């Protein structure tokens, strides 16, 4: 993803939030995004045009099992006892 495309997508995300509350601000933001759109390459525009954009009414509909988000719980920690003599070479001990 190019920096220009990343900026455009971030502004578009903000636009979706602003659009619901303030149409005047949304229109101003759209106007500010125009120069970025016109400076994009054909490939960058194609990425934007080929995507599917959806809106969620509520985050409640997104449910993922916790083990898929956080991974499986770690196994038991291996315990090593300290050697009885003082450590002579800390690199070896580490």
PDB file of N, CA and C in Angstrom:
ATOM      1  N   UNK A   1       0.852  -1.166   0.000  1.00  0.00           N
ATOM      2  CA  UNK A   1       0.000   0.000   0.000  1.00  0.00           C
ATOM      3  C   UNK A   1       0.901   1.233   0.000  1.00  0.00           C
ATOM      4  N   UNK A   2       0.601   2.135  -0.877  1.00  0.00           N
ATOM      5  CA  UNK A   2       1.405   3.350  -0.991  1.00  0.00           C
ATOM      6  C   UNK A   2       0.998   4.346   0.096  1.00  0.00           C
ATOM      7  N   UNK A   3       1.900   5.271   0.448  1.00  0.00           N
ATOM      8  CA  UNK A   3       1.540   6.278   1.456  1.00  0.00           C
ATOM      9  C   UNK A   3       0.327   7.112   1.035  1.00  0.00           C
ATOM     10  N   UNK A   4       0.242   7.448  -0.244  1.00  0.00           N
ATOM     11  CA  UNK A   4      -0.885   8.251  -0.726  1.00  0.00           C
ATOM     12  C   UNK A   4      -2.193   7.492  -0.567  1.00  0.00           C
ATOM     13  N   UNK A   5      -2.176   6.207  -0.890  1.00  0.00           N
ATOM     14  CA  UNK A   5      -3.378   5.381  -0.755  1.00  0.00           C
ATOM     15  C   UNK A   5      -3.759   5.224   0.716  1.00  0.00           C
ATOM     16  N   UNK A   6      -2.771   5.075   1.566  1.00  0.00           N
ATOM     17  CA  UNK A   6      -3.035   4.950   3.012  1.00  0.00           C
ATOM     18  C   UNK A   6      -3.687   6.222   3.552  1.00  0.00           C
ATOM     19  N   UNK A   7      -3.172   7.382   3.145  1.00  0.00           N
ATOM     20  CA  UNK A   7      -3.745   8.653   3.594  1.00  0.00           C
ATOM     21  C   UNK A   7      -5.182   8.785   3.107  1.00  0.00           C
ATOM     22  N   UNK A   8      -5.412   8.439   1.847  1.00  0.00           N
ATOM     23  CA  UNK A   8      -6.757   8.553   1.291  1.00  0.00           C
ATOM     24  C   UNK A   8      -7.734   7.660   2.059  1.00  0.00           C
ATOM     25  N   UNK A   9      -7.314   6.433   2.353  1.00  0.00           N
ATOM     26  CA  UNK A   9      -8.185   5.510   3.082  1.00  0.00           C
ATOM     27  C   UNK A   9      -8.476   6.005   4.493  1.00  0.00           C
ATOM     28  N   UNK A  10      -7.477   6.601   5.146  1.00  0.00           N
ATOM     29  CA  UNK A  10      -7.703   7.154   6.486  1.00  0.00           C
ATOM     30  C   UNK A  10      -8.698   8.315   6.429  1.00  0.00           C
ATOM     31  N   UNK A  11      -8.532   9.190   5.444  1.00  0.00           N
ATOM     32  CA  UNK A  11      -9.470  10.307   5.306  1.00  0.00           C
ATOM     33  C   UNK A  11     -10.868   9.805   4.970  1.00  0.00           C
ATOM     34  N   UNK A  12     -10.944   8.764   4.165  1.00  0.00           N
ATOM     35  CA  UNK A  12     -12.244   8.209   3.818  1.00  0.00           C
ATOM     36  C   UNK A  12     -12.933   7.607   5.043  1.00  0.00           C
ATOM     37  N   UNK A  13     -12.146   6.988   5.907  1.00  0.00           N
ATOM     38  CA  UNK A  13     -12.702   6.432   7.147  1.00  0.00           C
ATOM     39  C   UNK A  13     -13.270   7.548   8.018  1.00  0.00           C
ATOM     40  N   UNK A  14     -12.532   8.656   8.121  1.00  0.00           N
ATOM     41  CA  UNK A  14     -13.023   9.809   8.889  1.00  0.00           C
ATOM     42  C   UNK A  14     -14.273  10.384   8.220  1.00  0.00           C
ATOM     43  N   UNK A  15     -14.274  10.412   6.899  1.00  0.00           N
ATOM     44  CA  UNK A  15     -15.427  10.932   6.165  1.00  0.00           C
ATOM     45  C   UNK A  15     -16.686  10.132   6.496  1.00  0.00           C
ATOM     46  N   UNK A  16     -16.578   8.833   6.579  1.00  0.00           N
ATOM     47  CA  UNK A  16     -17.739   8.003   6.916  1.00  0.00           C
ATOM     48  C   UNK A  16     -18.277   8.335   8.305  1.00  0.00           C
ATOM     49  N   UNK A  17     -17.386   8.673   9.225  1.00  0.00           N
ATOM     50  CA  UNK A  17     -17.823   9.046  10.573  1.00  0.00           C
ATOM     51  C   UNK A  17     -18.477  10.426  10.589  1.00  0.00           C
ATOM     52  N   UNK A  18     -17.887  11.373   9.867  1.00  0.00           N
ATOM     53  CA  UNK A  18     -18.385  12.747   9.850  1.00  0.00           C
ATOM     54  C   UNK A  18     -19.699  12.846   9.088  1.00  0.00           C
ATOM     55  N   UNK A  19     -19.821  12.059   8.040  1.00  0.00           N
ATOM     56  CA  UNK A  19     -20.980  12.113   7.160  1.00  0.00           C
ATOM     57  C   UNK A  19     -22.306  11.939   7.913  1.00  0.00           C
ATOM     58  N   UNK A  20     -22.293  11.101   8.929  1.00  0.00           N
ATOM     59  CA  UNK A  20     -23.523  10.814   9.669  1.00  0.00           C
ATOM     60  C   UNK A  20     -23.991  12.012  10.495  1.00  0.00           C
ATOM     61  N   UNK A  21     -23.053  12.872  10.910  1.00  0.00           N
ATOM     62  CA  UNK A  21     -23.407  13.964  11.811  1.00  0.00           C
ATOM     63  C   UNK A  21     -23.439  15.348  11.172  1.00  0.00           C
ATOM     64  N   UNK A  22     -22.564  15.576  10.195  1.00  0.00           N
ATOM     65  CA  UNK A  22     -22.415  16.943   9.693  1.00  0.00           C
ATOM     66  C   UNK A  22     -22.124  16.918   8.200  1.00  0.00           C
ATOM     67  N   UNK A  23     -23.147  17.157   7.396  1.00  0.00           N
ATOM     68  CA  UNK A  23     -22.996  17.088   5.942  1.00  0.00           C
ATOM     69  C   UNK A  23     -22.099  18.201   5.414  1.00  0.00           C
ATOM     70  N   UNK A  24     -22.100  19.361   6.045  1.00  0.00           N
ATOM     71  CA  UNK A  24     -21.242  20.473   5.602  1.00  0.00           C
ATOM     72  C   UNK A  24     -19.770  20.120   5.793  1.00  0.00           C
ATOM     73  N   UNK A  25     -19.447  19.563   6.951  1.00  0.00           N
ATOM     74  CA  UNK A  25     -18.072  19.145   7.213  1.00  0.00           C
ATOM     75  C   UNK A  25     -17.673  18.004   6.283  1.00  0.00           C
ATOM     76  N   UNK A  26     -18.596  17.101   6.024  1.00  0.00           N
ATOM     77  CA  UNK A  26     -18.308  15.984   5.122  1.00  0.00           C
ATOM     78  C   UNK A  26     -18.008  16.490   3.714  1.00  0.00           C
ATOM     79  N   UNK A  27     -18.753  17.472   3.259  1.00  0.00           N
ATOM     80  CA  UNK A  27     -18.524  18.037   1.921  1.00  0.00           C
ATOM     81  C   UNK A  27     -17.163  18.729   1.851  1.00  0.00           C
ATOM     82  N   UNK A  28     -16.793  19.427   2.908  1.00  0.00           N
ATOM     83  CA  UNK A  28     -15.479  20.082   2.954  1.00  0.00           C
ATOM     84  C   UNK A  28     -14.363  19.049   2.926  1.00  0.00           C
ATOM     85  N   UNK A  29     -14.554  17.952   3.642  1.00  0.00           N
ATOM     86  CA  UNK A  29     -13.555  16.885   3.643  1.00  0.00           C
ATOM     87  C   UNK A  29     -13.458  16.226   2.265  1.00  0.00           C
ATOM     88  N   UNK A  30     -14.588  16.016   1.610  1.00  0.00           N
ATOM     89  CA  UNK A  30     -14.574  15.463   0.246  1.00  0.00           C
ATOM     90  C   UNK A  30     -13.774  16.370  -0.700  1.00  0.00           C
ATOM     91  N   UNK A  31     -14.005  17.667  -0.577  1.00  0.00           N
ATOM     92  CA  UNK A  31     -13.268  18.619  -1.414  1.00  0.00           C
ATOM     93  C   UNK A  31     -11.768  18.571  -1.133  1.00  0.00           C
ATOM     94  N   UNK A  32     -11.404  18.386   0.138  1.00  0.00           N
ATOM     95  CA  UNK A  32      -9.994  18.303   0.504  1.00  0.00           C
ATOM     96  C   UNK A  32      -9.353  17.004  -0.003  1.00  0.00           C
ATOM     97  N   UNK A  33     -10.156  15.973  -0.186  1.00  0.00           N
ATOM     98  CA  UNK A  33      -9.639  14.688  -0.661  1.00  0.00           C
ATOM     99  C   UNK A  33      -9.443  14.661  -2.180  1.00  0.00           C
ATOM    100  N   UNK A  34     -10.080  15.565  -2.902  1.00  0.00           N
ATOM    101  CA  UNK A  34      -9.992  15.567  -4.361  1.00  0.00           C
ATOM    102  C   UNK A  34      -8.563  15.631  -4.896  1.00  0.00           C
ATOM    103  N   UNK A  35      -7.702  16.534  -4.399  1.00  0.00           N
ATOM    104  CA  UNK A  35      -6.338  16.565  -4.930  1.00  0.00           C
ATOM    105  C   UNK A  35      -5.581  15.254  -4.735  1.00  0.00           C
ATOM    106  N   UNK A  36      -5.864  14.567  -3.628  1.00  0.00           N
ATOM    107  CA  UNK A  36      -5.216  13.271  -3.407  1.00  0.00           C
ATOM    108  C   UNK A  36      -5.711  12.277  -4.449  1.00  0.00           C
ATOM    109  N   UNK A  37      -7.012  12.265  -4.706  1.00  0.00           N
ATOM    110  CA  UNK A  37      -7.588  11.348  -5.695  1.00  0.00           C
ATOM    111  C   UNK A  37      -6.966  11.591  -7.070  1.00  0.00           C
ATOM    112  N   UNK A  38      -6.862  12.848  -7.478  1.00  0.00           N
ATOM    113  CA  UNK A  38      -6.343  13.154  -8.816  1.00  0.00           C
ATOM    114  C   UNK A  38      -4.846  12.888  -8.932  1.00  0.00           C
ATOM    115  N   UNK A  39      -4.129  12.844  -7.811  1.00  0.00           N
ATOM    116  CA  UNK A  39      -2.696  12.558  -7.871  1.00  0.00           C
ATOM    117  C   UNK A  39      -2.388  11.060  -7.822  1.00  0.00           C
ATOM    118  N   UNK A  40      -3.412  10.232  -7.620  1.00  0.00           N
ATOM    119  CA  UNK A  40      -3.203   8.780  -7.547  1.00  0.00           C
ATOM    120  C   UNK A  40      -2.915   8.188  -8.921  1.00  0.00           C
ATOM    121  N   UNK A  41      -2.204   7.076  -8.893  1.00  0.00           N
ATOM    122  CA  UNK A  41      -1.960   6.329 -10.124  1.00  0.00           C
ATOM    123  C   UNK A  41      -3.201   5.502 -10.463  1.00  0.00           C
ATOM    124  N   UNK A  42      -3.237   4.994 -11.678  1.00  0.00           N
ATOM    125  CA  UNK A  42      -4.361   4.134 -12.083  1.00  0.00           C
ATOM    126  C   UNK A  42      -4.449   2.892 -11.204  1.00  0.00           C
ATOM    127  N   UNK A  43      -3.306   2.337 -10.811  1.00  0.00           N
ATOM    128  CA  UNK A  43      -3.314   1.148  -9.944  1.00  0.00           C
ATOM    129  C   UNK A  43      -3.913   1.458  -8.577  1.00  0.00           C
ATOM    130  N   UNK A  44      -3.574   2.623  -8.035  1.00  0.00           N
ATOM    131  CA  UNK A  44      -4.131   3.002  -6.730  1.00  0.00           C
ATOM    132  C   UNK A  44      -5.641   3.199  -6.824  1.00  0.00           C
ATOM    133  N   UNK A  45      -6.088   3.828  -7.890  1.00  0.00           N
ATOM    134  CA  UNK A  45      -7.541   4.018  -8.066  1.00  0.00           C
ATOM    135  C   UNK A  45      -8.239   2.681  -8.269  1.00  0.00           C
ATOM    136  N   UNK A  46      -7.594   1.777  -8.966  1.00  0.00           N
ATOM    137  CA  UNK A  46      -8.186   0.456  -9.191  1.00  0.00           C
ATOM    138  C   UNK A  46      -8.378  -0.286  -7.867  1.00  0.00           C
ATOM    139  N   UNK A  47      -7.401  -0.153  -6.964  1.00  0.00           N
ATOM    140  CA  UNK A  47      -7.524  -0.780  -5.640  1.00  0.00           C
ATOM    141  C   UNK A  47      -8.766  -0.242  -4.925  1.00  0.00           C
ATOM    142  N   UNK A  48      -8.970   1.067  -4.994  1.00  0.00           N
ATOM    143  CA  UNK A  48     -10.134   1.665  -4.341  1.00  0.00           C
ATOM    144  C   UNK A  48     -11.433   1.254  -5.028  1.00  0.00           C
ATOM    145  N   UNK A  49     -11.426   1.224  -6.344  1.00  0.00           N
ATOM    146  CA  UNK A  49     -12.646   0.905  -7.086  1.00  0.00           C
ATOM    147  C   UNK A  49     -13.054  -0.562  -6.956  1.00  0.00           C
ATOM    148  N   UNK A  50     -12.083  -1.464  -6.782  1.00  0.00           N
ATOM    149  CA  UNK A  50     -12.376  -2.896  -6.758  1.00  0.00           C
ATOM    150  C   UNK A  50     -12.763  -3.425  -5.386  1.00  0.00           C
ATOM    151  N   UNK A  51     -12.752  -2.594  -4.380  1.00  0.00           N
ATOM    152  CA  UNK A  51     -13.045  -3.096  -3.032  1.00  0.00           C
ATOM    153  C   UNK A  51     -14.540  -3.036  -2.744  1.00  0.00           C
ATOM    154  N   UNK A  52     -14.919  -3.805  -1.759  1.00  0.00           N
ATOM    155  CA  UNK A  52     -16.304  -3.779  -1.292  1.00  0.00           C
ATOM    156  C   UNK A  52     -16.302  -3.086   0.072  1.00  0.00           C
ATOM    157  N   UNK A  53     -17.149  -2.086   0.223  1.00  0.00           N
ATOM    158  CA  UNK A  53     -17.215  -1.337   1.478  1.00  0.00           C
ATOM    159  C   UNK A  53     -18.545  -1.645   2.132  1.00  0.00           C
ATOM    160  N   UNK A  54     -18.488  -2.066   3.365  1.00  0.00           N
ATOM    161  CA  UNK A  54     -19.709  -2.330   4.118  1.00  0.00           C
ATOM    162  C   UNK A  54     -19.728  -1.502   5.377  1.00  0.00           C
ATOM    163  N   UNK A  55     -20.865  -1.386   5.946  1.00  0.00           N
ATOM    164  CA  UNK A  55     -21.001  -0.644   7.199  1.00  0.00           C
ATOM    165  C   UNK A  55     -21.618  -1.552   8.244  1.00  0.00           C
ATOM    166  N   UNK A  56     -21.078  -1.483   9.425  1.00  0.00           N
ATOM    167  CA  UNK A  56     -21.608  -2.256  10.539  1.00  0.00           C
ATOM    168  C   UNK A  56     -22.531  -1.364  11.351  1.00  0.00           C
ATOM    169  N   UNK A  57     -23.682  -1.874  11.650  1.00  0.00           N
ATOM    170  CA  UNK A  57     -24.601  -1.123  12.496  1.00  0.00           C
ATOM    171  C   UNK A  57     -24.168  -1.217  13.953  1.00  0.00           C
ATOM    172  N   UNK A  58     -23.541  -2.341  14.298  1.00  0.00           N
ATOM    173  CA  UNK A  58     -23.126  -2.545  15.678  1.00  0.00           C
ATOM    174  C   UNK A  58     -21.941  -3.489  15.700  1.00  0.00           C
ATOM    175  N   UNK A  59     -21.024  -3.244  16.604  1.00  0.00           N
ATOM    176  CA  UNK A  59     -19.890  -4.160  16.765  1.00  0.00           C
ATOM    177  C   UNK A  59     -20.297  -5.449  17.460  1.00  0.00           C
ATOM    178  N   UNK A  60     -21.502  -5.476  17.989  1.00  0.00           N
ATOM    179  CA  UNK A  60     -22.000  -6.659  18.681  1.00  0.00           C
ATOM    180  C   UNK A  60     -22.080  -7.860  17.741  1.00  0.00           C
ATOM    181  N   UNK A  61     -22.244  -7.622  16.444  1.00  0.00           N
ATOM    182  CA  UNK A  61     -22.378  -8.737  15.507  1.00  0.00           C
ATOM    183  C   UNK A  61     -21.042  -9.418  15.227  1.00  0.00           C
ATOM    184  N   UNK A  62     -19.938  -8.794  15.611  1.00  0.00           N
ATOM    185  CA  UNK A  62     -18.627  -9.396  15.384  1.00  0.00           C
ATOM    186  C   UNK A  62     -18.257 -10.217  16.608  1.00  0.00           C
ATOM    187  N   UNK A  63     -18.192 -11.503  16.420  1.00  0.00           N
ATOM    188  CA  UNK A  63     -17.808 -12.382  17.530  1.00  0.00           C
ATOM    189  C   UNK A  63     -16.739 -13.338  17.045  1.00  0.00           C
ATOM    190  N   UNK A  64     -15.673 -13.414  17.805  1.00  0.00           N
ATOM    191  CA  UNK A  64     -14.559 -14.287  17.472  1.00  0.00           C
ATOM    192  C   UNK A  64     -14.186 -15.041  18.742  1.00  0.00           C
ATOM    193  N   UNK A  65     -13.984 -16.350  18.636  1.00  0.00           N
ATOM    194  CA  UNK A  65     -13.567 -17.083  19.832  1.00  0.00           C
ATOM    195  C   UNK A  65     -12.244 -16.524  20.371  1.00  0.00           C
ATOM    196  N   UNK A  66     -12.141 -16.441  21.675  1.00  0.00           N
ATOM    197  CA  UNK A  66     -10.981 -15.826  22.308  1.00  0.00           C
ATOM    198  C   UNK A  66      -9.681 -16.521  21.939  1.00  0.00           C
ATOM    199  N   UNK A  67      -9.706 -17.845  21.745  1.00  0.00           N
ATOM    200  CA  UNK A  67      -8.454 -18.533  21.423  1.00  0.00           C
ATOM    201  C   UNK A  67      -7.953 -18.146  20.029  1.00  0.00           C
ATOM    202  N   UNK A  68      -8.836 -17.662  19.140  1.00  0.00           N
ATOM    203  CA  UNK A  68      -8.393 -17.204  17.833  1.00  0.00           C
ATOM    204  C   UNK A  68      -7.797 -15.803  17.903  1.00  0.00           C
ATOM    205  N   UNK A  69      -8.220 -15.031  18.875  1.00  0.00           N
ATOM    206  CA  UNK A  69      -7.684 -13.681  19.030  1.00  0.00           C
ATOM    207  C   UNK A  69      -6.375 -13.713  19.804  1.00  0.00           C
ATOM    208  N   UNK A  70      -6.372 -14.410  20.915  1.00  0.00           N
ATOM    209  CA  UNK A  70      -5.216 -14.391  21.803  1.00  0.00           C
ATOM    210  C   UNK A  70      -4.307 -15.608  21.644  1.00  0.00           C
ATOM    211  N   UNK A  71      -4.721 -16.593  20.887  1.00  0.00           N
ATOM    212  CA  UNK A  71      -3.929 -17.806  20.754  1.00  0.00           C
ATOM    213  C   UNK A  71      -4.223 -18.765  21.888  1.00  0.00           C
ATOM    214  N   UNK A  72      -3.671 -19.936  21.766  1.00  0.00           N
ATOM    215  CA  UNK A  72      -3.905 -20.929  22.819  1.00  0.00           C
ATOM    216  C   UNK A  72      -3.089 -20.573  24.051  1.00  0.00           C
ATOM    217  N   UNK A  73      -3.551 -21.000  25.218  1.00  0.00           N
ATOM    218  CA  UNK A  73      -2.805 -20.682  26.440  1.00  0.00           C
ATOM    219  C   UNK A  73      -1.433 -21.348  26.414  1.00  0.00           C
ATOM    220  N   UNK A  74      -0.446 -20.683  26.977  1.00  0.00           N
ATOM    221  CA  UNK A  74       0.901 -21.264  26.966  1.00  0.00           C
ATOM    222  C   UNK A  74       0.969 -22.507  27.849  1.00  0.00           C
ATOM    223  N   UNK A  75       1.879 -23.363  27.486  1.00  0.00           N
ATOM    224  CA  UNK A  75       2.080 -24.574  28.284  1.00  0.00           C
ATOM    225  C   UNK A  75       2.860 -24.246  29.550  1.00  0.00           C
ATOM    226  N   UNK A  76       3.170 -25.273  30.325  1.00  0.00           N
ATOM    227  CA  UNK A  76       3.922 -25.033  31.564  1.00  0.00           C
ATOM    228  C   UNK A  76       5.324 -24.494  31.246  1.00  0.00           C
ATOM    229  N   UNK A  77       5.810 -23.635  32.127  1.00  0.00           N
ATOM    230  CA  UNK A  77       7.124 -23.033  31.963  1.00  0.00           C
ATOM    231  C   UNK A  77       8.181 -24.037  32.404  1.00  0.00           C
ATOM    232  N   UNK A  78       9.176 -24.211  31.563  1.00  0.00           N
ATOM    233  CA  UNK A  78      10.271 -25.125  31.915  1.00  0.00           C
ATOM    234  C   UNK A  78      11.094 -24.497  33.046  1.00  0.00           C
ATOM    235  N   UNK A  79      11.328 -25.247  34.057  1.00  0.00           N
ATOM    236  CA  UNK A  79      12.093 -24.754  35.207  1.00  0.00           C
ATOM    237  C   UNK A  79      13.490 -25.367  35.173  1.00  0.00           C
ATOM    238  N   UNK A  80      14.470 -24.501  35.388  1.00  0.00           N
ATOM    239  CA  UNK A  80      15.845 -24.979  35.516  1.00  0.00           C
ATOM    240  C   UNK A  80      16.380 -24.485  36.856  1.00  0.00           C
ATOM    241  N   UNK A  81      17.048 -25.331  37.503  1.00  0.00           N
ATOM    242  CA  UNK A  81      17.633 -24.899  38.779  1.00  0.00           C
ATOM    243  C   UNK A  81      18.950 -24.176  38.503  1.00  0.00           C
ATOM    244  N   UNK A  82      19.274 -23.256  39.386  1.00  0.00           N
ATOM    245  CA  UNK A  82      20.535 -22.546  39.246  1.00  0.00           C
ATOM    246  C   UNK A  82      21.684 -23.465  39.601  1.00  0.00           C
ATOM    247  N   UNK A  83      22.802 -23.308  38.920  1.00  0.00           N
ATOM    248  CA  UNK A  83      23.949 -24.155  39.269  1.00  0.00           C
ATOM    249  C   UNK A  83      24.467 -23.786  40.659  1.00  0.00           C
ATOM    250  N   UNK A  84      25.024 -24.746  41.349  1.00  0.00           N
ATOM    251  CA  UNK A  84      25.504 -24.474  42.707  1.00  0.00           C
ATOM    252  C   UNK A  84      26.715 -23.535  42.727  1.00  0.00           C
ATOM    253  N   UNK A  85      27.535 -23.554  41.686  1.00  0.00           N
ATOM    254  CA  UNK A  85      28.709 -22.672  41.662  1.00  0.00           C
ATOM    255  C   UNK A  85      28.335 -21.328  41.019  1.00  0.00           C
ATOM    256  N   UNK A  86      29.068 -20.275  41.298  1.00  0.00           N
ATOM    257  CA  UNK A  86      28.767 -18.965  40.693  1.00  0.00           C
ATOM    258  C   UNK A  86      28.922 -19.017  39.172  1.00  0.00           C
ATOM    259  N   UNK A  87      28.131 -18.209  38.496  1.00  0.00           N
ATOM    260  CA  UNK A  87      28.211 -18.154  37.035  1.00  0.00           C
ATOM    261  C   UNK A  87      29.522 -17.445  36.644  1.00  0.00           C
ATOM    262  N   UNK A  88      30.235 -18.052  35.690  1.00  0.00           N
ATOM    263  CA  UNK A  88      31.496 -17.466  35.265  1.00  0.00           C
ATOM    264  C   UNK A  88      31.340 -16.712  33.950  1.00  0.00           C
ATOM    265  N   UNK A  89      30.500 -17.199  33.086  1.00  0.00           N
ATOM    266  CA  UNK A  89      30.324 -16.562  31.789  1.00  0.00           C
ATOM    267  C   UNK A  89      28.845 -16.307  31.579  1.00  0.00           C
ATOM    268  N   UNK A  90      28.413 -15.043  31.761  1.00  0.00           N
ATOM    269  CA  UNK A  90      26.991 -14.735  31.700  1.00  0.00           C
ATOM    270  C   UNK A  90      26.388 -15.002  30.330  1.00  0.00           C
ATOM    271  N   UNK A  91      27.171 -14.905  29.247  1.00  0.00           N
ATOM    272  CA  UNK A  91      26.632 -15.191  27.912  1.00  0.00           C
ATOM    273  C   UNK A  91      26.216 -16.652  27.795  1.00  0.00           C
ATOM    274  N   UNK A  92      26.982 -17.527  28.398  1.00  0.00           N
ATOM    275  CA  UNK A  92      26.629 -18.947  28.368  1.00  0.00           C
ATOM    276  C   UNK A  92      25.380 -19.192  29.208  1.00  0.00           C
ATOM    277  N   UNK A  93      25.276 -18.504  30.330  1.00  0.00           N
ATOM    278  CA  UNK A  93      24.134 -18.683  31.226  1.00  0.00           C
ATOM    279  C   UNK A  93      22.849 -18.143  30.589  1.00  0.00           C
ATOM    280  N   UNK A  94      22.966 -17.073  29.818  1.00  0.00           N
ATOM    281  CA  UNK A  94      21.782 -16.492  29.205  1.00  0.00           C
ATOM    282  C   UNK A  94      21.284 -17.395  28.115  1.00  0.00           C
TER     283      UNK A  94
END
